[in-house]
């Protein structure tokens, strides 16, 4: 499976640790739901992930440092959640949308 789009489905579950088993996944969109957990640490297993959208949920806790392991990631949207912390460095983001953390993020070069 390369793409999962479960956006706008009123989902209320927690993101399972088993999400990390989907190692070939390229695009994951869980936006506009009611997900109410933390981002699982197993997310660092999704090394092929290029686009990751968790916007408009009820996620809380720290933005996991394991996101830095996602070296293929070019689009990340964490906006409209209750997440804290900084976007980890080390990845190749081209698009960043996290209105809560954007104040902490500085591009290395323009």
Protein backbone atom coordinates (compact mmCIF):
# COMPACT_ATOMS: atom_id res chain seq x y z
CA UNK A 1 0.00 0.00 0.00
CA UNK A 2 1.45 3.35 -1.04
CA UNK A 3 -1.30 5.83 -0.10
CA UNK A 4 -3.73 6.07 2.80
CA UNK A 5 -6.25 8.91 2.86
CA UNK A 6 -8.72 8.71 5.72
CA UNK A 7 -9.29 12.45 5.95
CA UNK A 8 -12.70 13.88 6.88
CA UNK A 9 -14.08 10.67 8.38
CA UNK A 10 -14.78 11.72 11.99
CA UNK A 11 -12.37 9.05 13.23
CA UNK A 12 -11.94 9.08 17.00
CA UNK A 13 -9.29 6.42 17.56
CA UNK A 14 -5.68 6.69 18.59
CA UNK A 15 -2.99 6.25 15.96
CA UNK A 16 -1.74 2.70 16.59
CA UNK A 17 1.94 1.84 17.07
CA UNK A 18 1.46 -0.70 14.27
CA UNK A 19 1.39 2.18 11.77
CA UNK A 20 5.15 1.69 11.65
CA UNK A 21 4.65 -1.66 9.91
CA UNK A 22 3.53 0.10 6.70
CA UNK A 23 7.12 0.65 5.57
CA UNK A 24 6.30 1.20 1.87
CA UNK A 25 3.77 3.96 2.63
CA UNK A 26 4.42 7.19 0.70
CA UNK A 27 1.40 9.36 1.57
CA UNK A 28 -0.57 9.36 4.82
CA UNK A 29 -3.48 11.76 5.29
CA UNK A 30 -5.42 11.53 8.55
CA UNK A 31 -6.49 15.18 8.61
CA UNK A 32 -9.87 16.56 9.69
CA UNK A 33 -10.74 13.80 12.14
CA UNK A 34 -10.89 13.61 15.93
CA UNK A 35 -7.70 11.64 16.54
CA UNK A 36 -6.91 12.15 20.21
CA UNK A 37 -3.55 10.64 21.02
CA UNK A 38 0.11 11.38 20.61
CA UNK A 39 2.02 10.75 17.40
CA UNK A 40 3.41 7.22 17.93
CA UNK A 41 7.17 6.75 18.10
CA UNK A 42 6.93 3.96 15.51
CA UNK A 43 6.38 6.66 12.89
CA UNK A 44 10.15 6.63 12.35
CA UNK A 45 9.79 3.29 10.52
CA UNK A 46 7.96 4.99 7.62
CA UNK A 47 11.20 5.87 5.80
CA UNK A 48 9.47 6.04 2.38
CA UNK A 49 6.88 8.56 3.62
CA UNK A 50 6.81 11.71 1.47
CA UNK A 51 3.62 13.41 2.65
CA UNK A 52 2.25 13.32 6.20
CA UNK A 53 -0.91 15.26 7.13
CA UNK A 54 -2.32 15.11 10.65
CA UNK A 55 -3.87 18.58 10.63
CA UNK A 56 -7.21 19.44 12.26
CA UNK A 57 -7.28 16.72 14.90
CA UNK A 58 -7.02 16.63 18.69
CA UNK A 59 -3.47 15.31 18.92
CA UNK A 60 -1.43 16.34 21.94
CA UNK A 61 2.01 15.88 23.45
CA UNK A 62 5.46 16.48 22.03
CA UNK A 63 6.21 16.43 18.34
CA UNK A 64 8.33 13.26 18.24
CA UNK A 65 12.02 13.64 17.50
CA UNK A 66 11.68 10.43 15.48
CA UNK A 67 10.28 12.55 12.63
CA UNK A 68 13.89 13.39 11.81
CA UNK A 69 14.32 9.79 10.59
CA UNK A 70 11.83 10.43 7.77
CA UNK A 71 14.40 11.55 5.21
CA UNK A 72 11.98 11.20 2.26
CA UNK A 73 9.42 13.53 3.87
CA UNK A 74 8.76 16.65 1.79
CA UNK A 75 5.34 17.74 3.13
CA UNK A 76 4.35 17.85 6.80
CA UNK A 77 1.15 19.37 8.16
CA UNK A 78 0.55 19.25 11.92
CA UNK A 79 -1.55 22.41 12.19
CA UNK A 80 -4.62 22.78 14.40
CA UNK A 81 -3.63 20.27 17.07
CA UNK A 82 -2.37 20.64 20.65
CA UNK A 83 1.19 19.56 19.89
CA UNK A 84 4.20 21.10 21.59
CA UNK A 85 7.89 21.25 20.82
CA UNK A 86 9.95 21.85 17.74
CA UNK A 87 9.99 20.28 14.32
CA UNK A 88 13.05 18.02 14.42
CA UNK A 89 15.88 18.83 12.04
CA UNK A 90 17.43 16.30 9.74
CA UNK A 91 14.74 15.80 7.14
CA UNK A 92 14.27 17.26 3.68
CA UNK A 93 11.02 19.18 4.16
CA UNK A 94 9.91 21.38 1.30
CA UNK A 95 6.51 22.23 2.74
CA UNK A 96 5.90 22.81 6.42
CA UNK A 97 2.53 23.69 7.88
CA UNK A 98 2.49 23.71 11.64
CA UNK A 99 1.22 27.04 12.80
CA UNK A 100 2.05 26.29 16.44
CA UNK A 101 5.66 25.34 15.75
CA UNK A 102 6.47 27.58 12.83
CA UNK A 103 7.83 30.16 15.27
CA UNK A 104 10.61 27.75 16.19
CA UNK A 105 11.52 26.73 12.66
CA UNK A 106 14.15 28.59 10.67
CA UNK A 107 15.26 27.61 7.18
CA UNK A 108 18.93 26.77 6.89
CA UNK A 109 19.18 28.66 3.62
CA UNK A 110 16.88 30.44 1.21
